[in-house]
Amino acid sequence: LAHMDKHAAIVKPKFEAVEEALSRRLAEKGIADWTTPKGGYFVNLDVMEECASEIIRLAGEAGVKCTPAGATFPYKKDPADRNIRIAPTLPSVDEIKKAMEVLCVAAELTCVRRILGRNR
């Protein structure tokens, strides 16, 4: 238990940084929902249909390495192209804060383009 308490002290601020960015940038915009885990190592971000792959592509072009869209699905194929798995345990809190800004901007841009009926 003592070891797990030490582990929690390391990862909790990282998950809080993810939650803060998602809440600040995406809440109430109607373009995304996400899990707030009480344990585990991932946050599942569900965006508008047919947007996850493009969000990951844009974030990658900006230098943010993400788990491939749909990674949680069988054969890594999300039929709705909605799911992004965020794994914040390895980077530092500062790196997570910067990466989440990029990911949120990519989500906003991609979803606005989708709403307007435009690709890229």
PDB file of N, CA and C in Angstrom:
ATOM      1  N   LEU A   1       0.816  -1.202   0.000  1.00  0.00           N
ATOM      2  CA  LEU A   1       0.000   0.000   0.000  1.00  0.00           C
ATOM      3  C   LEU A   1       0.854   1.258   0.000  1.00  0.00           C
ATOM      4  N   ALA A   2       1.948   1.206   0.719  1.00  0.00           N
ATOM      5  CA  ALA A   2       2.831   2.372   0.764  1.00  0.00           C
ATOM      6  C   ALA A   2       3.430   2.641  -0.617  1.00  0.00           C
ATOM      7  N   HIS A   3       3.809   1.588  -1.309  1.00  0.00           N
ATOM      8  CA  HIS A   3       4.349   1.743  -2.664  1.00  0.00           C
ATOM      9  C   HIS A   3       3.296   2.337  -3.600  1.00  0.00           C
ATOM     10  N   MET A   4       2.060   1.859  -3.503  1.00  0.00           N
ATOM     11  CA  MET A   4       0.995   2.366  -4.363  1.00  0.00           C
ATOM     12  C   MET A   4       0.664   3.825  -4.021  1.00  0.00           C
ATOM     13  N   ASP A   5       0.783   4.198  -2.766  1.00  0.00           N
ATOM     14  CA  ASP A   5       0.576   5.596  -2.384  1.00  0.00           C
ATOM     15  C   ASP A   5       1.637   6.491  -3.031  1.00  0.00           C
ATOM     16  N   LYS A   6       2.875   6.011  -3.067  1.00  0.00           N
ATOM     17  CA  LYS A   6       3.948   6.770  -3.730  1.00  0.00           C
ATOM     18  C   LYS A   6       3.671   6.882  -5.228  1.00  0.00           C
ATOM     19  N   HIS A   7       3.221   5.799  -5.821  1.00  0.00           N
ATOM     20  CA  HIS A   7       2.886   5.794  -7.251  1.00  0.00           C
ATOM     21  C   HIS A   7       1.739   6.778  -7.524  1.00  0.00           C
ATOM     22  N   ALA A   8       0.729   6.759  -6.688  1.00  0.00           N
ATOM     23  CA  ALA A   8      -0.405   7.675  -6.846  1.00  0.00           C
ATOM     24  C   ALA A   8       0.044   9.132  -6.744  1.00  0.00           C
ATOM     25  N   ALA A   9       0.972   9.421  -5.862  1.00  0.00           N
ATOM     26  CA  ALA A   9       1.470  10.783  -5.716  1.00  0.00           C
ATOM     27  C   ALA A   9       2.170  11.259  -6.989  1.00  0.00           C
ATOM     28  N   ILE A  10       2.749  10.333  -7.736  1.00  0.00           N
ATOM     29  CA  ILE A  10       3.430  10.673  -8.987  1.00  0.00           C
ATOM     30  C   ILE A  10       2.429  10.868 -10.123  1.00  0.00           C
ATOM     31  N   VAL A  11       1.472   9.964 -10.253  1.00  0.00           N
ATOM     32  CA  VAL A  11       0.580  10.014 -11.413  1.00  0.00           C
ATOM     33  C   VAL A  11      -0.645  10.913 -11.233  1.00  0.00           C
ATOM     34  N   LYS A  12      -1.076  11.142 -10.009  1.00  0.00           N
ATOM     35  CA  LYS A  12      -2.278  11.953  -9.791  1.00  0.00           C
ATOM     36  C   LYS A  12      -2.172  13.345 -10.421  1.00  0.00           C
ATOM     37  N   PRO A  13      -1.081  14.080 -10.247  1.00  0.00           N
ATOM     38  CA  PRO A  13      -0.999  15.405 -10.871  1.00  0.00           C
ATOM     39  C   PRO A  13      -1.029  15.344 -12.403  1.00  0.00           C
ATOM     40  N   LYS A  14      -0.588  14.244 -12.963  1.00  0.00           N
ATOM     41  CA  LYS A  14      -0.610  14.081 -14.417  1.00  0.00           C
ATOM     42  C   LYS A  14      -2.042  13.928 -14.915  1.00  0.00           C
ATOM     43  N   PHE A  15      -2.822  13.115 -14.228  1.00  0.00           N
ATOM     44  CA  PHE A  15      -4.230  12.947 -14.593  1.00  0.00           C
ATOM     45  C   PHE A  15      -5.011  14.235 -14.336  1.00  0.00           C
ATOM     46  N   GLU A  16      -4.652  14.954 -13.283  1.00  0.00           N
ATOM     47  CA  GLU A  16      -5.295  16.240 -13.012  1.00  0.00           C
ATOM     48  C   GLU A  16      -5.006  17.239 -14.123  1.00  0.00           C
ATOM     49  N   ALA A  17      -3.803  17.221 -14.680  1.00  0.00           N
ATOM     50  CA  ALA A  17      -3.458  18.122 -15.786  1.00  0.00           C
ATOM     51  C   ALA A  17      -4.282  17.800 -17.029  1.00  0.00           C
ATOM     52  N   VAL A  18      -4.502  16.518 -17.297  1.00  0.00           N
ATOM     53  CA  VAL A  18      -5.346  16.110 -18.425  1.00  0.00           C
ATOM     54  C   VAL A  18      -6.771  16.592 -18.200  1.00  0.00           C
ATOM     55  N   GLU A  19      -7.310  16.317 -17.029  1.00  0.00           N
ATOM     56  CA  GLU A  19      -8.692  16.714 -16.707  1.00  0.00           C
ATOM     57  C   GLU A  19      -8.863  18.229 -16.798  1.00  0.00           C
ATOM     58  N   GLU A  20      -7.902  18.969 -16.285  1.00  0.00           N
ATOM     59  CA  GLU A  20      -7.991  20.426 -16.309  1.00  0.00           C
ATOM     60  C   GLU A  20      -8.058  20.939 -17.742  1.00  0.00           C
ATOM     61  N   ALA A  21      -7.189  20.439 -18.607  1.00  0.00           N
ATOM     62  CA  ALA A  21      -7.165  20.901 -19.997  1.00  0.00           C
ATOM     63  C   ALA A  21      -8.448  20.534 -20.726  1.00  0.00           C
ATOM     64  N   LEU A  22      -8.899  19.297 -20.574  1.00  0.00           N
ATOM     65  CA  LEU A  22     -10.125  18.876 -21.247  1.00  0.00           C
ATOM     66  C   LEU A  22     -11.318  19.686 -20.757  1.00  0.00           C
ATOM     67  N   SER A  23     -11.406  19.893 -19.463  1.00  0.00           N
ATOM     68  CA  SER A  23     -12.527  20.658 -18.898  1.00  0.00           C
ATOM     69  C   SER A  23     -12.500  22.106 -19.373  1.00  0.00           C
ATOM     70  N   ARG A  24     -11.325  22.691 -19.377  1.00  0.00           N
ATOM     71  CA  ARG A  24     -11.195  24.103 -19.760  1.00  0.00           C
ATOM     72  C   ARG A  24     -11.422  24.314 -21.253  1.00  0.00           C
ATOM     73  N   ARG A  25     -10.895  23.408 -22.074  1.00  0.00           N
ATOM     74  CA  ARG A  25     -10.926  23.621 -23.525  1.00  0.00           C
ATOM     75  C   ARG A  25     -12.125  22.991 -24.225  1.00  0.00           C
ATOM     76  N   LEU A  26     -12.625  21.851 -23.725  1.00  0.00           N
ATOM     77  CA  LEU A  26     -13.627  21.110 -24.489  1.00  0.00           C
ATOM     78  C   LEU A  26     -14.993  20.974 -23.826  1.00  0.00           C
ATOM     79  N   ALA A  27     -15.066  21.165 -22.530  1.00  0.00           N
ATOM     80  CA  ALA A  27     -16.354  21.002 -21.842  1.00  0.00           C
ATOM     81  C   ALA A  27     -17.374  21.981 -22.403  1.00  0.00           C
ATOM     82  N   GLU A  28     -18.587  21.538 -22.487  1.00  0.00           N
ATOM     83  CA  GLU A  28     -19.732  22.348 -22.901  1.00  0.00           C
ATOM     84  C   GLU A  28     -19.671  22.807 -24.356  1.00  0.00           C
ATOM     85  N   LYS A  29     -18.775  22.245 -25.160  1.00  0.00           N
ATOM     86  CA  LYS A  29     -18.729  22.574 -26.589  1.00  0.00           C
ATOM     87  C   LYS A  29     -19.473  21.542 -27.425  1.00  0.00           C
ATOM     88  N   GLY A  30     -19.828  20.416 -26.785  1.00  0.00           N
ATOM     89  CA  GLY A  30     -20.571  19.390 -27.499  1.00  0.00           C
ATOM     90  C   GLY A  30     -19.753  18.603 -28.500  1.00  0.00           C
ATOM     91  N   ILE A  31     -18.431  18.628 -28.353  1.00  0.00           N
ATOM     92  CA  ILE A  31     -17.578  17.917 -29.310  1.00  0.00           C
ATOM     93  C   ILE A  31     -16.826  16.747 -28.695  1.00  0.00           C
ATOM     94  N   ALA A  32     -16.891  16.600 -27.374  1.00  0.00           N
ATOM     95  CA  ALA A  32     -16.110  15.537 -26.733  1.00  0.00           C
ATOM     96  C   ALA A  32     -16.658  15.199 -25.352  1.00  0.00           C
ATOM     97  N   ASP A  33     -16.433  13.951 -24.987  1.00  0.00           N
ATOM     98  CA  ASP A  33     -16.675  13.445 -23.637  1.00  0.00           C
ATOM     99  C   ASP A  33     -15.447  12.636 -23.257  1.00  0.00           C
ATOM    100  N   TRP A  34     -15.217  12.470 -21.968  1.00  0.00           N
ATOM    101  CA  TRP A  34     -14.052  11.708 -21.533  1.00  0.00           C
ATOM    102  C   TRP A  34     -14.313  11.076 -20.183  1.00  0.00           C
ATOM    103  N   THR A  35     -13.501  10.085 -19.895  1.00  0.00           N
ATOM    104  CA  THR A  35     -13.574   9.420 -18.598  1.00  0.00           C
ATOM    105  C   THR A  35     -12.723  10.177 -17.597  1.00  0.00           C
ATOM    106  N   THR A  36     -13.103  10.072 -16.351  1.00  0.00           N
ATOM    107  CA  THR A  36     -12.292  10.588 -15.252  1.00  0.00           C
ATOM    108  C   THR A  36     -11.974   9.387 -14.373  1.00  0.00           C
ATOM    109  N   PRO A  37     -10.874   8.693 -14.681  1.00  0.00           N
ATOM    110  CA  PRO A  37     -10.594   7.440 -13.989  1.00  0.00           C
ATOM    111  C   PRO A  37     -10.297   7.629 -12.503  1.00  0.00           C
ATOM    112  N   LYS A  38     -10.682   6.639 -11.757  1.00  0.00           N
ATOM    113  CA  LYS A  38     -10.384   6.590 -10.318  1.00  0.00           C
ATOM    114  C   LYS A  38      -9.241   5.611 -10.055  1.00  0.00           C
ATOM    115  N   GLY A  39      -8.602   5.189 -11.117  1.00  0.00           N
ATOM    116  CA  GLY A  39      -7.495   4.247 -11.083  1.00  0.00           C
ATOM    117  C   GLY A  39      -7.140   3.934 -12.517  1.00  0.00           C
ATOM    118  N   GLY A  40      -6.135   3.142 -12.718  1.00  0.00           N
ATOM    119  CA  GLY A  40      -5.739   2.797 -14.078  1.00  0.00           C
ATOM    120  C   GLY A  40      -4.734   3.776 -14.652  1.00  0.00           C
ATOM    121  N   TYR A  41      -4.507   3.653 -15.944  1.00  0.00           N
ATOM    122  CA  TYR A  41      -3.431   4.408 -16.573  1.00  0.00           C
ATOM    123  C   TYR A  41      -3.868   5.214 -17.786  1.00  0.00           C
ATOM    124  N   PHE A  42      -5.167   5.264 -18.083  1.00  0.00           N
ATOM    125  CA  PHE A  42      -5.615   5.907 -19.309  1.00  0.00           C
ATOM    126  C   PHE A  42      -6.847   6.767 -19.071  1.00  0.00           C
ATOM    127  N   VAL A  43      -6.985   7.776 -19.919  1.00  0.00           N
ATOM    128  CA  VAL A  43      -8.205   8.559 -20.038  1.00  0.00           C
ATOM    129  C   VAL A  43      -8.728   8.277 -21.442  1.00  0.00           C
ATOM    130  N   ASN A  44      -9.992   7.919 -21.550  1.00  0.00           N
ATOM    131  CA  ASN A  44     -10.606   7.713 -22.863  1.00  0.00           C
ATOM    132  C   ASN A  44     -11.336   8.983 -23.256  1.00  0.00           C
ATOM    133  N   LEU A  45     -10.912   9.548 -24.384  1.00  0.00           N
ATOM    134  CA  LEU A  45     -11.515  10.751 -24.938  1.00  0.00           C
ATOM    135  C   LEU A  45     -12.327  10.346 -26.157  1.00  0.00           C
ATOM    136  N   ASP A  46     -13.615  10.607 -26.125  1.00  0.00           N
ATOM    137  CA  ASP A  46     -14.482  10.347 -27.268  1.00  0.00           C
ATOM    138  C   ASP A  46     -14.861  11.674 -27.894  1.00  0.00           C
ATOM    139  N   VAL A  47     -14.502  11.839 -29.165  1.00  0.00           N
ATOM    140  CA  VAL A  47     -14.771  13.070 -29.908  1.00  0.00           C
ATOM    141  C   VAL A  47     -15.895  12.823 -30.906  1.00  0.00           C
ATOM    142  N   MET A  48     -16.217  13.818 -31.674  1.00  0.00           N
ATOM    143  CA  MET A  48     -17.247  13.659 -32.699  1.00  0.00           C
ATOM    144  C   MET A  48     -16.856  12.545 -33.666  1.00  0.00           C
ATOM    145  N   GLU A  49     -17.866  11.887 -34.236  1.00  0.00           N
ATOM    146  CA  GLU A  49     -17.610  10.812 -35.201  1.00  0.00           C
ATOM    147  C   GLU A  49     -16.746  11.303 -36.356  1.00  0.00           C
ATOM    148  N   GLU A  50     -15.889  10.398 -36.806  1.00  0.00           N
ATOM    149  CA  GLU A  50     -15.002  10.612 -37.949  1.00  0.00           C
ATOM    150  C   GLU A  50     -13.978  11.724 -37.703  1.00  0.00           C
ATOM    151  N   CYS A  51     -13.590  11.918 -36.456  1.00  0.00           N
ATOM    152  CA  CYS A  51     -12.636  12.981 -36.131  1.00  0.00           C
ATOM    153  C   CYS A  51     -11.357  12.501 -35.450  1.00  0.00           C
ATOM    154  N   ALA A  52     -11.381  11.368 -34.775  1.00  0.00           N
ATOM    155  CA  ALA A  52     -10.240  10.964 -33.940  1.00  0.00           C
ATOM    156  C   ALA A  52      -8.945  10.825 -34.739  1.00  0.00           C
ATOM    157  N   SER A  53      -8.993  10.179 -35.874  1.00  0.00           N
ATOM    158  CA  SER A  53      -7.764   9.976 -36.664  1.00  0.00           C
ATOM    159  C   SER A  53      -7.155  11.298 -37.111  1.00  0.00           C
ATOM    160  N   GLU A  54      -8.007  12.230 -37.509  1.00  0.00           N
ATOM    161  CA  GLU A  54      -7.513  13.543 -37.938  1.00  0.00           C
ATOM    162  C   GLU A  54      -6.931  14.318 -36.767  1.00  0.00           C
ATOM    163  N   ILE A  55      -7.533  14.224 -35.603  1.00  0.00           N
ATOM    164  CA  ILE A  55      -6.999  14.890 -34.410  1.00  0.00           C
ATOM    165  C   ILE A  55      -5.611  14.350 -34.092  1.00  0.00           C
ATOM    166  N   ILE A  56      -5.466  13.038 -34.130  1.00  0.00           N
ATOM    167  CA  ILE A  56      -4.161  12.416 -33.867  1.00  0.00           C
ATOM    168  C   ILE A  56      -3.136  12.843 -34.908  1.00  0.00           C
ATOM    169  N   ARG A  57      -3.556  12.933 -36.167  1.00  0.00           N
ATOM    170  CA  ARG A  57      -2.649  13.358 -37.235  1.00  0.00           C
ATOM    171  C   ARG A  57      -2.174  14.792 -37.005  1.00  0.00           C
ATOM    172  N   LEU A  58      -3.117  15.687 -36.714  1.00  0.00           N
ATOM    173  CA  LEU A  58      -2.749  17.085 -36.483  1.00  0.00           C
ATOM    174  C   LEU A  58      -1.846  17.237 -35.258  1.00  0.00           C
ATOM    175  N   ALA A  59      -2.175  16.549 -34.197  1.00  0.00           N
ATOM    176  CA  ALA A  59      -1.339  16.620 -32.991  1.00  0.00           C
ATOM    177  C   ALA A  59       0.063  16.109 -33.302  1.00  0.00           C
ATOM    178  N   GLY A  60       0.150  15.031 -34.071  1.00  0.00           N
ATOM    179  CA  GLY A  60       1.448  14.490 -34.457  1.00  0.00           C
ATOM    180  C   GLY A  60       2.264  15.471 -35.269  1.00  0.00           C
ATOM    181  N   GLU A  61       1.607  16.179 -36.189  1.00  0.00           N
ATOM    182  CA  GLU A  61       2.315  17.187 -36.982  1.00  0.00           C
ATOM    183  C   GLU A  61       2.863  18.309 -36.103  1.00  0.00           C
ATOM    184  N   ALA A  62       2.200  18.550 -34.984  1.00  0.00           N
ATOM    185  CA  ALA A  62       2.651  19.575 -34.041  1.00  0.00           C
ATOM    186  C   ALA A  62       3.652  19.024 -33.030  1.00  0.00           C
ATOM    187  N   GLY A  63       4.005  17.739 -33.144  1.00  0.00           N
ATOM    188  CA  GLY A  63       5.024  17.154 -32.282  1.00  0.00           C
ATOM    189  C   GLY A  63       4.508  16.383 -31.084  1.00  0.00           C
ATOM    190  N   VAL A  64       3.206  16.163 -31.004  1.00  0.00           N
ATOM    191  CA  VAL A  64       2.645  15.428 -29.874  1.00  0.00           C
ATOM    192  C   VAL A  64       2.371  13.991 -30.301  1.00  0.00           C
ATOM    193  N   LYS A  65       3.044  13.063 -29.665  1.00  0.00           N
ATOM    194  CA  LYS A  65       2.878  11.641 -29.955  1.00  0.00           C
ATOM    195  C   LYS A  65       1.715  11.107 -29.142  1.00  0.00           C
ATOM    196  N   CYS A  66       0.742  10.540 -29.837  1.00  0.00           N
ATOM    197  CA  CYS A  66      -0.447  10.000 -29.180  1.00  0.00           C
ATOM    198  C   CYS A  66      -0.593   8.522 -29.520  1.00  0.00           C
ATOM    199  N   THR A  67      -1.339   7.843 -28.689  1.00  0.00           N
ATOM    200  CA  THR A  67      -1.745   6.478 -28.997  1.00  0.00           C
ATOM    201  C   THR A  67      -2.609   6.555 -30.247  1.00  0.00           C
ATOM    202  N   PRO A  68      -2.469   5.630 -31.189  1.00  0.00           N
ATOM    203  CA  PRO A  68      -3.290   5.696 -32.410  1.00  0.00           C
ATOM    204  C   PRO A  68      -4.783   5.708 -32.091  1.00  0.00           C
ATOM    205  N   ALA A  69      -5.533   6.451 -32.883  1.00  0.00           N
ATOM    206  CA  ALA A  69      -6.984   6.488 -32.714  1.00  0.00           C
ATOM    207  C   ALA A  69      -7.531   5.069 -32.822  1.00  0.00           C
ATOM    208  N   GLY A  70      -8.494   4.753 -31.987  1.00  0.00           N
ATOM    209  CA  GLY A  70      -9.122   3.441 -32.033  1.00  0.00           C
ATOM    210  C   GLY A  70      -8.320   2.331 -31.381  1.00  0.00           C
ATOM    211  N   ALA A  71      -7.252   2.658 -30.684  1.00  0.00           N
ATOM    212  CA  ALA A  71      -6.375   1.638 -30.094  1.00  0.00           C
ATOM    213  C   ALA A  71      -7.088   0.703 -29.131  1.00  0.00           C
ATOM    214  N   THR A  72      -8.197   1.139 -28.572  1.00  0.00           N
ATOM    215  CA  THR A  72      -8.907   0.310 -27.590  1.00  0.00           C
ATOM    216  C   THR A  72      -9.881  -0.670 -28.227  1.00  0.00           C
ATOM    217  N   PHE A  73     -10.040  -0.620 -29.527  1.00  0.00           N
ATOM    218  CA  PHE A  73     -11.013  -1.458 -30.224  1.00  0.00           C
ATOM    219  C   PHE A  73     -10.359  -2.715 -30.790  1.00  0.00           C
ATOM    220  N   PRO A  74     -11.151  -3.767 -31.006  1.00  0.00           N
ATOM    221  CA  PRO A  74     -10.606  -4.965 -31.658  1.00  0.00           C
ATOM    222  C   PRO A  74      -9.975  -4.601 -33.004  1.00  0.00           C
ATOM    223  N   TYR A  75      -8.829  -5.143 -33.263  1.00  0.00           N
ATOM    224  CA  TYR A  75      -8.064  -4.873 -34.481  1.00  0.00           C
ATOM    225  C   TYR A  75      -7.718  -3.394 -34.629  1.00  0.00           C
ATOM    226  N   LYS A  76      -7.847  -2.652 -33.529  1.00  0.00           N
ATOM    227  CA  LYS A  76      -7.533  -1.219 -33.496  1.00  0.00           C
ATOM    228  C   LYS A  76      -8.346  -0.428 -34.514  1.00  0.00           C
ATOM    229  N   LYS A  77      -9.564  -0.871 -34.733  1.00  0.00           N
ATOM    230  CA  LYS A  77     -10.442  -0.237 -35.708  1.00  0.00           C
ATOM    231  C   LYS A  77     -11.716   0.249 -35.009  1.00  0.00           C
ATOM    232  N   ASP A  78     -11.795   1.541 -34.784  1.00  0.00           N
ATOM    233  CA  ASP A  78     -12.983   2.164 -34.192  1.00  0.00           C
ATOM    234  C   ASP A  78     -13.938   2.496 -35.338  1.00  0.00           C
ATOM    235  N   PRO A  79     -15.067   1.816 -35.427  1.00  0.00           N
ATOM    236  CA  PRO A  79     -15.957   2.033 -36.568  1.00  0.00           C
ATOM    237  C   PRO A  79     -16.489   3.466 -36.661  1.00  0.00           C
ATOM    238  N   ALA A  80     -16.515   4.182 -35.554  1.00  0.00           N
ATOM    239  CA  ALA A  80     -16.999   5.562 -35.572  1.00  0.00           C
ATOM    240  C   ALA A  80     -15.867   6.582 -35.614  1.00  0.00           C
ATOM    241  N   ASP A  81     -14.612   6.124 -35.511  1.00  0.00           N
ATOM    242  CA  ASP A  81     -13.443   7.009 -35.484  1.00  0.00           C
ATOM    243  C   ASP A  81     -13.633   8.128 -34.458  1.00  0.00           C
ATOM    244  N   ARG A  82     -13.943   7.719 -33.223  1.00  0.00           N
ATOM    245  CA  ARG A  82     -14.217   8.677 -32.145  1.00  0.00           C
ATOM    246  C   ARG A  82     -13.237   8.602 -30.980  1.00  0.00           C
ATOM    247  N   ASN A  83     -12.622   7.454 -30.749  1.00  0.00           N
ATOM    248  CA  ASN A  83     -11.929   7.222 -29.491  1.00  0.00           C
ATOM    249  C   ASN A  83     -10.436   7.526 -29.555  1.00  0.00           C
ATOM    250  N   ILE A  84      -9.992   8.294 -28.570  1.00  0.00           N
ATOM    251  CA  ILE A  84      -8.571   8.605 -28.378  1.00  0.00           C
ATOM    252  C   ILE A  84      -8.224   8.198 -26.953  1.00  0.00           C
ATOM    253  N   ARG A  85      -7.176   7.411 -26.823  1.00  0.00           N
ATOM    254  CA  ARG A  85      -6.732   6.961 -25.502  1.00  0.00           C
ATOM    255  C   ARG A  85      -5.552   7.819 -25.079  1.00  0.00           C
ATOM    256  N   ILE A  86      -5.704   8.496 -23.963  1.00  0.00           N
ATOM    257  CA  ILE A  86      -4.647   9.366 -23.449  1.00  0.00           C
ATOM    258  C   ILE A  86      -3.927   8.617 -22.332  1.00  0.00           C
ATOM    259  N   ALA A  87      -2.614   8.524 -22.472  1.00  0.00           N
ATOM    260  CA  ALA A  87      -1.789   7.801 -21.501  1.00  0.00           C
ATOM    261  C   ALA A  87      -0.799   8.789 -20.857  1.00  0.00           C
ATOM    262  N   PRO A  88      -1.194   9.424 -19.765  1.00  0.00           N
ATOM    263  CA  PRO A  88      -0.360  10.491 -19.208  1.00  0.00           C
ATOM    264  C   PRO A  88       0.654  10.080 -18.151  1.00  0.00           C
ATOM    265  N   THR A  89       0.970   8.814 -18.025  1.00  0.00           N
ATOM    266  CA  THR A  89       1.831   8.410 -16.916  1.00  0.00           C
ATOM    267  C   THR A  89       3.320   8.654 -17.161  1.00  0.00           C
ATOM    268  N   LEU A  90       3.783   8.626 -18.404  1.00  0.00           N
ATOM    269  CA  LEU A  90       5.220   8.748 -18.660  1.00  0.00           C
ATOM    270  C   LEU A  90       5.727  10.189 -18.698  1.00  0.00           C
ATOM    271  N   PRO A  91       5.084  11.106 -19.433  1.00  0.00           N
ATOM    272  CA  PRO A  91       5.622  12.468 -19.520  1.00  0.00           C
ATOM    273  C   PRO A  91       5.550  13.202 -18.189  1.00  0.00           C
ATOM    274  N   SER A  92       6.304  14.295 -18.118  1.00  0.00           N
ATOM    275  CA  SER A  92       6.221  15.157 -16.924  1.00  0.00           C
ATOM    276  C   SER A  92       4.910  15.940 -16.964  1.00  0.00           C
ATOM    277  N   VAL A  93       4.549  16.535 -15.850  1.00  0.00           N
ATOM    278  CA  VAL A  93       3.330  17.333 -15.781  1.00  0.00           C
ATOM    279  C   VAL A  93       3.408  18.497 -16.775  1.00  0.00           C
ATOM    280  N   ASP A  94       4.559  19.155 -16.863  1.00  0.00           N
ATOM    281  CA  ASP A  94       4.701  20.269 -17.810  1.00  0.00           C
ATOM    282  C   ASP A  94       4.545  19.794 -19.251  1.00  0.00           C
ATOM    283  N   GLU A  95       5.107  18.645 -19.587  1.00  0.00           N
ATOM    284  CA  GLU A  95       4.950  18.099 -20.937  1.00  0.00           C
ATOM    285  C   GLU A  95       3.483  17.759 -21.218  1.00  0.00           C
ATOM    286  N   ILE A  96       2.807  17.221 -20.227  1.00  0.00           N
ATOM    287  CA  ILE A  96       1.388  16.887 -20.392  1.00  0.00           C
ATOM    288  C   ILE A  96       0.569  18.149 -20.624  1.00  0.00           C
ATOM    289  N   LYS A  97       0.839  19.188 -19.878  1.00  0.00           N
ATOM    290  CA  LYS A  97       0.100  20.445 -20.048  1.00  0.00           C
ATOM    291  C   LYS A  97       0.262  20.976 -21.475  1.00  0.00           C
ATOM    292  N   LYS A  98       1.473  20.959 -21.986  1.00  0.00           N
ATOM    293  CA  LYS A  98       1.721  21.438 -23.354  1.00  0.00           C
ATOM    294  C   LYS A  98       1.064  20.519 -24.376  1.00  0.00           C
ATOM    295  N   ALA A  99       1.201  19.231 -24.182  1.00  0.00           N
ATOM    296  CA  ALA A  99       0.618  18.264 -25.117  1.00  0.00           C
ATOM    297  C   ALA A  99      -0.903  18.359 -25.140  1.00  0.00           C
ATOM    298  N   MET A 100      -1.497  18.570 -23.993  1.00  0.00           N
ATOM    299  CA  MET A 100      -2.957  18.660 -23.928  1.00  0.00           C
ATOM    300  C   MET A 100      -3.471  19.914 -24.618  1.00  0.00           C
ATOM    301  N   GLU A 101      -2.722  20.997 -24.558  1.00  0.00           N
ATOM    302  CA  GLU A 101      -3.119  22.200 -25.303  1.00  0.00           C
ATOM    303  C   GLU A 101      -3.141  21.900 -26.795  1.00  0.00           C
ATOM    304  N   VAL A 102      -2.111  21.225 -27.278  1.00  0.00           N
ATOM    305  CA  VAL A 102      -2.049  20.861 -28.693  1.00  0.00           C
ATOM    306  C   VAL A 102      -3.194  19.924 -29.050  1.00  0.00           C
ATOM    307  N   LEU A 103      -3.409  18.900 -28.239  1.00  0.00           N
ATOM    308  CA  LEU A 103      -4.470  17.935 -28.518  1.00  0.00           C
ATOM    309  C   LEU A 103      -5.840  18.620 -28.526  1.00  0.00           C
ATOM    310  N   CYS A 104      -6.070  19.521 -27.596  1.00  0.00           N
ATOM    311  CA  CYS A 104      -7.359  20.218 -27.540  1.00  0.00           C
ATOM    312  C   CYS A 104      -7.552  21.138 -28.738  1.00  0.00           C
ATOM    313  N   VAL A 105      -6.516  21.846 -29.145  1.00  0.00           N
ATOM    314  CA  VAL A 105      -6.629  22.684 -30.341  1.00  0.00           C
ATOM    315  C   VAL A 105      -6.898  21.822 -31.562  1.00  0.00           C
ATOM    316  N   ALA A 106      -6.218  20.699 -31.676  1.00  0.00           N
ATOM    317  CA  ALA A 106      -6.450  19.781 -32.796  1.00  0.00           C
ATOM    318  C   ALA A 106      -7.893  19.278 -32.781  1.00  0.00           C
ATOM    319  N   ALA A 107      -8.425  18.991 -31.598  1.00  0.00           N
ATOM    320  CA  ALA A 107      -9.812  18.538 -31.483  1.00  0.00           C
ATOM    321  C   ALA A 107     -10.778  19.640 -31.885  1.00  0.00           C
ATOM    322  N   GLU A 108     -10.545  20.839 -31.398  1.00  0.00           N
ATOM    323  CA  GLU A 108     -11.421  21.958 -31.750  1.00  0.00           C
ATOM    324  C   GLU A 108     -11.412  22.212 -33.254  1.00  0.00           C
ATOM    325  N   LEU A 109     -10.237  22.271 -33.835  1.00  0.00           N
ATOM    326  CA  LEU A 109     -10.114  22.529 -35.271  1.00  0.00           C
ATOM    327  C   LEU A 109     -10.779  21.434 -36.100  1.00  0.00           C
ATOM    328  N   THR A 110     -10.484  20.197 -35.776  1.00  0.00           N
ATOM    329  CA  THR A 110     -11.048  19.071 -36.525  1.00  0.00           C
ATOM    330  C   THR A 110     -12.567  19.039 -36.411  1.00  0.00           C
ATOM    331  N   CYS A 111     -13.072  19.239 -35.222  1.00  0.00           N
ATOM    332  CA  CYS A 111     -14.525  19.180 -35.034  1.00  0.00           C
ATOM    333  C   CYS A 111     -15.237  20.355 -35.704  1.00  0.00           C
ATOM    334  N   VAL A 112     -14.637  21.542 -35.671  1.00  0.00           N
ATOM    335  CA  VAL A 112     -15.229  22.679 -36.375  1.00  0.00           C
ATOM    336  C   VAL A 112     -15.274  22.391 -37.873  1.00  0.00           C
ATOM    337  N   ARG A 113     -14.190  21.858 -38.398  1.00  0.00           N
ATOM    338  CA  ARG A 113     -14.180  21.507 -39.825  1.00  0.00           C
ATOM    339  C   ARG A 113     -15.260  20.475 -40.137  1.00  0.00           C
ATOM    340  N   ARG A 114     -15.443  19.518 -39.247  1.00  0.00           N
ATOM    341  CA  ARG A 114     -16.473  18.486 -39.446  1.00  0.00           C
ATOM    342  C   ARG A 114     -17.862  19.111 -39.420  1.00  0.00           C
ATOM    343  N   ILE A 115     -18.092  20.000 -38.466  1.00  0.00           N
ATOM    344  CA  ILE A 115     -19.390  20.677 -38.361  1.00  0.00           C
ATOM    345  C   ILE A 115     -19.677  21.471 -39.639  1.00  0.00           C
ATOM    346  N   LEU A 116     -18.658  22.119 -40.155  1.00  0.00           N
ATOM    347  CA  LEU A 116     -18.806  22.938 -41.369  1.00  0.00           C
ATOM    348  C   LEU A 116     -18.808  22.091 -42.647  1.00  0.00           C
ATOM    349  N   GLY A 117     -18.599  20.788 -42.490  1.00  0.00           N
ATOM    350  CA  GLY A 117     -18.608  19.894 -43.644  1.00  0.00           C
ATOM    351  C   GLY A 117     -17.348  19.949 -44.479  1.00  0.00           C
ATOM    352  N   ARG A 118     -16.266  20.347 -43.847  1.00  0.00           N
ATOM    353  CA  ARG A 118     -14.987  20.452 -44.552  1.00  0.00           C
ATOM    354  C   ARG A 118     -14.024  19.414 -44.035  1.00  0.00           C
ATOM    355  N   ASN A 119     -13.282  18.837 -44.927  1.00  0.00           N
ATOM    356  CA  ASN A 119     -12.157  17.982 -44.540  1.00  0.00           C
ATOM    357  C   ASN A 119     -10.945  18.876 -44.460  1.00  0.00           C
ATOM    358  N   ARG A 120      -9.930  18.456 -43.759  1.00  0.00           N
ATOM    359  CA  ARG A 120      -8.676  19.170 -43.598  1.00  0.00           C
ATOM    360  C   ARG A 120      -8.752  20.615 -43.981  1.00  0.00           C
TER     361      ARG A 120
END
